Amino acid sequence: MLLRSTDPFRDFDRLTQQLLGTGLGTTNRPAVMPMDAWREGDRFVIEFDLPGVNPESIDLDVERNVLTVKAERVARNGDWEMLATERVRGTFSRQLVLGDNLDLDHIEANYETGVLRLVVPVAEKAKPRKIQITATQPDTAAIEA
């Protein structure tokens, strides 16, 4: 016997999400993936939570200074009746505008245990550097009056 708890507002919430497009993973717009970002010395690290996503479905694209991350979690197919479905399925997408001080040609990406980790190095032109000062000697020629 299956114990089923009923929530009279659950169907109303689902209908509202479908009509207004406010639910995660609706067909109207992709779901947003949670993200953390921080700086470690001369590199920026960005991590996206993508549990249960097949690594082959992850697509990274950089155009100018916009990084786009897309992934898909597909629904399982089978001969069964779904009893509860709270995990978001479908297309996930996130765009980040990255600063000009980052080297977008050398981004490293790794997907492990449901986390996509990007490492973006700081561009050489944005790193602190010393400027050499040259000293010129004043002209010591005598001034005649």
N, C-alpha and C. Protein backbone atom coordinates (compact mmCIF):
# COMPACT_ATOMS: atom_id res chain seq x y z
N MET A 1 0.84 -1.18 0.00
CA MET A 1 0.00 0.00 0.00
C MET A 1 0.89 1.24 0.00
N LEU A 2 0.52 2.20 -0.80
CA LEU A 2 1.28 3.43 -0.94
C LEU A 2 0.63 4.52 -0.09
N LEU A 3 1.42 5.11 0.77
CA LEU A 3 0.93 6.21 1.58
C LEU A 3 1.10 7.49 0.78
N ARG A 4 0.05 8.21 0.56
CA ARG A 4 0.10 9.40 -0.27
C ARG A 4 -0.40 10.59 0.53
N SER A 5 0.43 11.60 0.63
CA SER A 5 -0.03 12.83 1.30
C SER A 5 -0.48 13.79 0.21
N THR A 6 -1.56 14.45 0.46
CA THR A 6 -2.11 15.36 -0.55
C THR A 6 -1.91 16.79 -0.12
N ASP A 7 -1.65 17.62 -1.11
CA ASP A 7 -1.49 19.06 -0.90
C ASP A 7 -2.44 19.74 -1.87
N PRO A 8 -3.50 20.37 -1.36
CA PRO A 8 -4.50 20.95 -2.27
C PRO A 8 -3.93 22.10 -3.12
N PHE A 9 -2.81 22.69 -2.69
CA PHE A 9 -2.26 23.82 -3.43
C PHE A 9 -1.18 23.41 -4.43
N ARG A 10 -0.80 22.14 -4.40
CA ARG A 10 0.28 21.68 -5.28
C ARG A 10 -0.08 21.83 -6.76
N ASP A 11 -1.29 21.40 -7.13
CA ASP A 11 -1.71 21.52 -8.52
C ASP A 11 -1.84 22.99 -8.92
N PHE A 12 -2.29 23.81 -8.01
CA PHE A 12 -2.40 25.24 -8.30
C PHE A 12 -1.02 25.86 -8.53
N ASP A 13 -0.03 25.46 -7.71
CA ASP A 13 1.34 25.95 -7.89
C ASP A 13 1.90 25.51 -9.23
N ARG A 14 1.67 24.27 -9.61
CA ARG A 14 2.16 23.77 -10.91
C ARG A 14 1.53 24.55 -12.06
N LEU A 15 0.24 24.78 -11.98
CA LEU A 15 -0.45 25.52 -13.04
C LEU A 15 0.10 26.94 -13.14
N THR A 16 0.31 27.58 -12.00
CA THR A 16 0.87 28.93 -12.00
C THR A 16 2.26 28.95 -12.62
N GLN A 17 3.09 27.97 -12.28
CA GLN A 17 4.44 27.89 -12.84
C GLN A 17 4.39 27.70 -14.35
N GLN A 18 3.48 26.88 -14.82
CA GLN A 18 3.39 26.64 -16.26
C GLN A 18 2.90 27.87 -17.00
N LEU A 19 1.91 28.55 -16.44
CA LEU A 19 1.35 29.72 -17.11
C LEU A 19 2.29 30.92 -17.09
N LEU A 20 2.96 31.13 -15.96
CA LEU A 20 3.83 32.29 -15.82
C LEU A 20 5.27 32.00 -16.16
N GLY A 21 5.61 30.74 -16.36
CA GLY A 21 6.99 30.39 -16.68
C GLY A 21 7.95 30.60 -15.53
N THR A 22 7.45 30.48 -14.30
CA THR A 22 8.31 30.73 -13.14
C THR A 22 8.96 29.48 -12.61
N GLY A 23 8.58 28.34 -13.08
CA GLY A 23 9.17 27.10 -12.56
C GLY A 23 10.51 26.84 -13.21
N LEU A 24 11.40 26.19 -12.47
CA LEU A 24 12.69 25.81 -13.03
C LEU A 24 12.48 24.69 -14.04
N GLY A 25 13.15 24.82 -15.17
CA GLY A 25 13.12 23.76 -16.14
C GLY A 25 11.86 23.71 -16.98
N THR A 26 11.08 24.78 -17.01
CA THR A 26 9.91 24.78 -17.88
C THR A 26 10.38 24.86 -19.31
N THR A 27 9.50 24.55 -20.23
CA THR A 27 9.88 24.60 -21.64
C THR A 27 10.01 26.03 -22.12
N ASN A 28 9.46 26.98 -21.39
CA ASN A 28 9.56 28.39 -21.80
C ASN A 28 10.96 28.94 -21.65
N ARG A 29 11.68 28.52 -20.64
CA ARG A 29 13.03 29.02 -20.43
C ARG A 29 13.85 27.94 -19.72
N PRO A 30 15.15 27.93 -19.98
CA PRO A 30 15.98 26.92 -19.33
C PRO A 30 16.14 27.19 -17.84
N ALA A 31 16.46 26.15 -17.11
CA ALA A 31 16.71 26.28 -15.68
C ALA A 31 18.08 26.90 -15.46
N VAL A 32 18.22 27.59 -14.36
CA VAL A 32 19.51 28.19 -14.02
C VAL A 32 20.25 27.25 -13.08
N MET A 33 21.54 27.12 -13.31
CA MET A 33 22.34 26.23 -12.47
C MET A 33 23.02 27.05 -11.38
N PRO A 34 23.05 26.57 -10.15
CA PRO A 34 23.74 27.29 -9.07
C PRO A 34 25.23 27.40 -9.37
N MET A 35 25.82 28.52 -8.93
CA MET A 35 27.21 28.80 -9.27
C MET A 35 27.92 29.47 -8.10
N ASP A 36 29.21 29.17 -7.95
CA ASP A 36 30.11 29.90 -7.06
C ASP A 36 31.28 30.38 -7.90
N ALA A 37 31.82 31.54 -7.58
CA ALA A 37 32.99 32.06 -8.30
C ALA A 37 33.90 32.77 -7.29
N TRP A 38 35.21 32.61 -7.48
CA TRP A 38 36.18 33.26 -6.61
C TRP A 38 37.50 33.42 -7.33
N ARG A 39 38.38 34.23 -6.75
CA ARG A 39 39.70 34.44 -7.32
C ARG A 39 40.75 33.76 -6.46
N GLU A 40 41.65 33.04 -7.11
CA GLU A 40 42.80 32.40 -6.44
C GLU A 40 44.05 32.94 -7.11
N GLY A 41 44.66 33.97 -6.56
CA GLY A 41 45.88 34.52 -7.14
C GLY A 41 45.66 35.06 -8.53
N ASP A 42 46.31 34.42 -9.53
CA ASP A 42 46.24 34.88 -10.90
C ASP A 42 45.21 34.12 -11.74
N ARG A 43 44.17 33.60 -11.09
CA ARG A 43 43.14 32.89 -11.84
C ARG A 43 41.79 33.02 -11.14
N PHE A 44 40.74 32.95 -11.95
CA PHE A 44 39.39 32.93 -11.43
C PHE A 44 38.86 31.51 -11.55
N VAL A 45 38.12 31.07 -10.55
CA VAL A 45 37.55 29.73 -10.53
C VAL A 45 36.03 29.88 -10.46
N ILE A 46 35.34 29.15 -11.32
CA ILE A 46 33.88 29.18 -11.36
C ILE A 46 33.41 27.73 -11.28
N GLU A 47 32.47 27.45 -10.38
CA GLU A 47 31.92 26.10 -10.26
C GLU A 47 30.40 26.16 -10.42
N PHE A 48 29.89 25.24 -11.24
CA PHE A 48 28.46 25.11 -11.49
C PHE A 48 28.00 23.75 -10.98
N ASP A 49 26.89 23.71 -10.25
CA ASP A 49 26.32 22.45 -9.79
C ASP A 49 25.46 21.86 -10.89
N LEU A 50 25.86 20.68 -11.38
CA LEU A 50 25.12 19.98 -12.43
C LEU A 50 25.02 18.49 -12.10
N PRO A 51 24.43 18.13 -10.95
CA PRO A 51 24.36 16.71 -10.61
C PRO A 51 23.45 15.95 -11.56
N GLY A 52 23.89 14.74 -11.90
CA GLY A 52 23.08 13.89 -12.76
C GLY A 52 23.11 14.25 -14.22
N VAL A 53 23.98 15.16 -14.62
CA VAL A 53 24.08 15.57 -16.01
C VAL A 53 25.17 14.74 -16.69
N ASN A 54 24.87 14.24 -17.87
CA ASN A 54 25.86 13.51 -18.65
C ASN A 54 26.90 14.52 -19.15
N PRO A 55 28.19 14.29 -18.90
CA PRO A 55 29.22 15.25 -19.33
C PRO A 55 29.19 15.56 -20.82
N GLU A 56 28.73 14.62 -21.64
CA GLU A 56 28.66 14.86 -23.08
C GLU A 56 27.58 15.86 -23.45
N SER A 57 26.64 16.12 -22.55
CA SER A 57 25.58 17.10 -22.85
C SER A 57 25.99 18.52 -22.49
N ILE A 58 27.15 18.68 -21.86
CA ILE A 58 27.61 20.01 -21.46
C ILE A 58 28.26 20.71 -22.64
N ASP A 59 27.86 21.94 -22.88
CA ASP A 59 28.39 22.73 -23.98
C ASP A 59 28.88 24.07 -23.43
N LEU A 60 30.16 24.36 -23.67
CA LEU A 60 30.75 25.64 -23.26
C LEU A 60 31.07 26.43 -24.51
N ASP A 61 30.72 27.72 -24.48
CA ASP A 61 30.95 28.58 -25.64
C ASP A 61 31.38 29.95 -25.14
N VAL A 62 32.40 30.51 -25.79
CA VAL A 62 32.84 31.87 -25.47
C VAL A 62 32.76 32.69 -26.73
N GLU A 63 32.02 33.77 -26.67
CA GLU A 63 31.95 34.71 -27.78
C GLU A 63 32.18 36.10 -27.23
N ARG A 64 33.23 36.73 -27.74
CA ARG A 64 33.72 38.00 -27.19
C ARG A 64 34.03 37.76 -25.72
N ASN A 65 33.33 38.42 -24.83
CA ASN A 65 33.61 38.19 -23.40
C ASN A 65 32.40 37.56 -22.68
N VAL A 66 31.55 36.86 -23.43
CA VAL A 66 30.38 36.19 -22.84
C VAL A 66 30.61 34.68 -22.86
N LEU A 67 30.58 34.09 -21.67
CA LEU A 67 30.71 32.64 -21.51
C LEU A 67 29.31 32.06 -21.35
N THR A 68 28.98 31.08 -22.18
CA THR A 68 27.68 30.41 -22.11
C THR A 68 27.90 28.95 -21.74
N VAL A 69 27.20 28.50 -20.72
CA VAL A 69 27.24 27.11 -20.28
C VAL A 69 25.85 26.52 -20.47
N LYS A 70 25.77 25.43 -21.22
CA LYS A 70 24.49 24.73 -21.42
C LYS A 70 24.69 23.26 -21.07
N ALA A 71 23.66 22.68 -20.49
CA ALA A 71 23.69 21.25 -20.16
C ALA A 71 22.26 20.74 -20.17
N GLU A 72 22.13 19.43 -20.22
CA GLU A 72 20.80 18.84 -20.24
C GLU A 72 20.75 17.62 -19.34
N ARG A 73 19.71 17.56 -18.54
CA ARG A 73 19.42 16.36 -17.74
C ARG A 73 18.14 15.77 -18.32
N VAL A 74 18.26 14.60 -18.90
CA VAL A 74 17.11 13.99 -19.57
C VAL A 74 16.30 13.17 -18.58
N ALA A 75 15.02 13.08 -18.86
CA ALA A 75 14.13 12.27 -18.03
C ALA A 75 14.37 10.80 -18.34
N ARG A 76 14.25 9.98 -17.34
CA ARG A 76 14.41 8.53 -17.54
C ARG A 76 13.14 7.99 -18.18
N ASN A 77 13.35 7.12 -19.13
CA ASN A 77 12.22 6.48 -19.80
C ASN A 77 12.09 5.06 -19.29
N GLY A 78 10.86 4.63 -19.17
CA GLY A 78 10.65 3.27 -18.71
C GLY A 78 9.18 2.97 -18.57
N ASP A 79 8.91 1.77 -18.20
CA ASP A 79 7.53 1.32 -18.05
C ASP A 79 7.17 1.37 -16.57
N TRP A 80 7.03 2.57 -16.05
CA TRP A 80 6.65 2.73 -14.66
C TRP A 80 5.86 4.03 -14.50
N GLU A 81 5.25 4.15 -13.35
CA GLU A 81 4.47 5.34 -13.04
C GLU A 81 5.29 6.20 -12.07
N MET A 82 5.53 7.44 -12.45
CA MET A 82 6.30 8.35 -11.61
C MET A 82 5.46 8.74 -10.39
N LEU A 83 6.01 8.58 -9.19
CA LEU A 83 5.28 8.91 -7.97
C LEU A 83 5.60 10.30 -7.46
N ALA A 84 6.83 10.72 -7.67
CA ALA A 84 7.23 12.08 -7.28
C ALA A 84 8.29 12.56 -8.25
N THR A 85 8.22 13.81 -8.62
CA THR A 85 9.22 14.37 -9.53
C THR A 85 9.52 15.80 -9.11
N GLU A 86 10.58 15.96 -8.35
CA GLU A 86 10.98 17.27 -7.86
C GLU A 86 12.31 17.73 -8.46
N ARG A 87 13.07 16.80 -9.02
CA ARG A 87 14.35 17.18 -9.62
C ARG A 87 14.09 17.75 -11.00
N VAL A 88 14.74 18.86 -11.28
CA VAL A 88 14.54 19.56 -12.54
C VAL A 88 15.19 18.77 -13.67
N ARG A 89 14.46 18.64 -14.76
CA ARG A 89 14.97 17.98 -15.96
C ARG A 89 14.84 18.96 -17.12
N GLY A 90 15.61 18.71 -18.14
CA GLY A 90 15.54 19.57 -19.31
C GLY A 90 16.85 20.29 -19.52
N THR A 91 16.79 21.45 -20.16
CA THR A 91 17.97 22.21 -20.51
C THR A 91 18.31 23.22 -19.43
N PHE A 92 19.59 23.27 -19.08
CA PHE A 92 20.11 24.24 -18.14
C PHE A 92 20.99 25.21 -18.93
N SER A 93 20.92 26.48 -18.59
CA SER A 93 21.73 27.44 -19.32
C SER A 93 22.12 28.58 -18.39
N ARG A 94 23.33 29.07 -18.60
CA ARG A 94 23.82 30.21 -17.79
C ARG A 94 24.80 31.00 -18.64
N GLN A 95 24.68 32.32 -18.62
CA GLN A 95 25.62 33.18 -19.32
C GLN A 95 26.28 34.11 -18.33
N LEU A 96 27.60 34.26 -18.49
CA LEU A 96 28.37 35.16 -17.65
C LEU A 96 29.12 36.13 -18.54
N VAL A 97 29.10 37.39 -18.19
CA VAL A 97 29.90 38.38 -18.88
C VAL A 97 31.21 38.48 -18.11
N LEU A 98 32.30 38.10 -18.77
CA LEU A 98 33.61 38.10 -18.14
C LEU A 98 34.36 39.36 -18.52
N GLY A 99 35.16 39.85 -17.60
CA GLY A 99 35.89 41.10 -17.81
C GLY A 99 37.01 40.96 -18.83
N ASP A 100 37.47 42.09 -19.31
CA ASP A 100 38.56 42.14 -20.28
C ASP A 100 39.89 41.72 -19.67
N ASN A 101 39.95 41.65 -18.36
CA ASN A 101 41.21 41.31 -17.70
C ASN A 101 41.44 39.80 -17.58
N LEU A 102 40.57 38.99 -18.22
CA LEU A 102 40.72 37.54 -18.17
C LEU A 102 41.17 37.00 -19.52
N ASP A 103 41.93 35.92 -19.50
CA ASP A 103 42.45 35.28 -20.71
C ASP A 103 41.47 34.19 -21.14
N LEU A 104 40.51 34.55 -21.98
CA LEU A 104 39.45 33.62 -22.37
C LEU A 104 39.92 32.55 -23.35
N ASP A 105 41.13 32.69 -23.88
CA ASP A 105 41.68 31.69 -24.79
C ASP A 105 42.26 30.48 -24.06
N HIS A 106 42.42 30.59 -22.75
CA HIS A 106 43.05 29.51 -21.98
C HIS A 106 42.19 29.02 -20.82
N ILE A 107 40.88 28.94 -21.02
CA ILE A 107 39.97 28.43 -20.00
C ILE A 107 40.14 26.91 -19.89
N GLU A 108 40.24 26.42 -18.67
CA GLU A 108 40.29 24.97 -18.41
C GLU A 108 38.96 24.56 -17.80
N ALA A 109 38.43 23.41 -18.25
CA ALA A 109 37.14 22.93 -17.76
C ALA A 109 37.28 21.48 -17.31
N ASN A 110 36.64 21.16 -16.17
CA ASN A 110 36.65 19.80 -15.64
C ASN A 110 35.29 19.52 -15.00
N TYR A 111 34.75 18.34 -15.26
CA TYR A 111 33.47 17.92 -14.67
C TYR A 111 33.72 16.69 -13.80
N GLU A 112 33.45 16.84 -12.51
CA GLU A 112 33.69 15.74 -11.58
C GLU A 112 32.64 15.78 -10.47
N THR A 113 32.09 14.64 -10.16
CA THR A 113 31.07 14.45 -9.11
C THR A 113 29.96 15.50 -9.18
N GLY A 114 29.48 15.76 -10.39
CA GLY A 114 28.34 16.66 -10.55
C GLY A 114 28.67 18.14 -10.52
N VAL A 115 29.95 18.49 -10.52
CA VAL A 115 30.35 19.90 -10.47
C VAL A 115 31.22 20.20 -11.70
N LEU A 116 30.81 21.21 -12.46
CA LEU A 116 31.60 21.70 -13.58
C LEU A 116 32.48 22.82 -13.06
N ARG A 117 33.81 22.64 -13.17
CA ARG A 117 34.77 23.63 -12.65
C ARG A 117 35.52 24.25 -13.81
N LEU A 118 35.45 25.57 -13.90
CA LEU A 118 36.18 26.33 -14.90
C LEU A 118 37.27 27.14 -14.22
N VAL A 119 38.45 27.14 -14.80
CA VAL A 119 39.56 27.95 -14.30
C VAL A 119 39.93 28.91 -15.43
N VAL A 120 39.84 30.19 -15.14
CA VAL A 120 40.10 31.23 -16.13
C VAL A 120 41.29 32.06 -15.65
N PRO A 121 42.42 32.01 -16.38
CA PRO A 121 43.58 32.78 -15.94
C PRO A 121 43.40 34.28 -16.18
N VAL A 122 44.07 35.06 -15.35
CA VAL A 122 44.09 36.51 -15.55
C VAL A 122 45.00 36.78 -16.75
N ALA A 123 44.60 37.69 -17.61
CA ALA A 123 45.39 38.04 -18.79
C ALA A 123 46.70 38.69 -18.36
N GLU A 124 47.74 38.45 -19.14
CA GLU A 124 49.06 39.02 -18.83
C GLU A 124 48.98 40.54 -18.73
N LYS A 125 48.20 41.17 -19.59
CA LYS A 125 48.11 42.63 -19.59
C LYS A 125 47.46 43.17 -18.31
N ALA A 126 46.73 42.32 -17.60
CA ALA A 126 46.04 42.77 -16.39
C ALA A 126 46.82 42.46 -15.11
N LYS A 127 47.91 41.72 -15.24
CA LYS A 127 48.70 41.38 -14.05
C LYS A 127 49.54 42.58 -13.63
N PRO A 128 49.76 42.74 -12.33
CA PRO A 128 50.61 43.84 -11.88
C PRO A 128 52.03 43.64 -12.39
N ARG A 129 52.65 44.72 -12.75
CA ARG A 129 54.02 44.64 -13.25
C ARG A 129 54.79 45.88 -12.82
N LYS A 130 56.09 45.73 -12.74
CA LYS A 130 56.97 46.84 -12.38
C LYS A 130 57.32 47.62 -13.63
N ILE A 131 57.38 48.90 -13.49
CA ILE A 131 57.79 49.77 -14.58
C ILE A 131 59.15 50.34 -14.22
N GLN A 132 60.09 50.15 -15.11
CA GLN A 132 61.44 50.62 -14.87
C GLN A 132 61.51 52.12 -15.12
N ILE A 133 62.19 52.79 -14.23
CA ILE A 133 62.35 54.25 -14.35
C ILE A 133 63.78 54.52 -14.79
N THR A 134 63.92 55.32 -15.82
CA THR A 134 65.25 55.73 -16.25
C THR A 134 65.47 57.17 -15.81
N ALA A 135 66.66 57.42 -15.32
CA ALA A 135 67.00 58.77 -14.86
C ALA A 135 67.90 59.43 -15.89
N THR A 136 67.60 60.65 -16.19
CA THR A 136 68.45 61.40 -17.12
C THR A 136 69.21 62.44 -16.31
N GLN A 137 70.45 62.60 -16.69
CA GLN A 137 71.30 63.59 -16.01
C GLN A 137 71.04 64.96 -16.63
N PRO A 138 70.90 66.00 -15.79
CA PRO A 138 70.69 67.33 -16.34
C PRO A 138 71.94 67.78 -17.10
N ASP A 139 71.74 68.58 -18.09
CA ASP A 139 72.86 69.10 -18.89
C ASP A 139 73.67 70.02 -18.01
N THR A 140 74.93 69.69 -17.82
CA THR A 140 75.78 70.45 -16.93
C THR A 140 76.61 71.50 -17.65
N ALA A 141 76.23 71.82 -18.86
CA ALA A 141 76.97 72.86 -19.58
C ALA A 141 76.81 74.20 -18.87
N ALA A 142 77.88 74.94 -18.81
CA ALA A 142 77.88 76.23 -18.11
C ALA A 142 77.10 77.25 -18.93
N ILE A 143 76.40 78.05 -18.22
CA ILE A 143 75.64 79.13 -18.85
C ILE A 143 76.48 80.39 -18.73
N GLU A 144 76.77 81.00 -19.86
CA GLU A 144 77.54 82.22 -19.84
C GLU A 144 76.60 83.41 -19.94
N ALA A 145 76.95 84.45 -19.16
CA ALA A 145 76.13 85.65 -19.17
C ALA A 145 76.78 86.77 -19.92
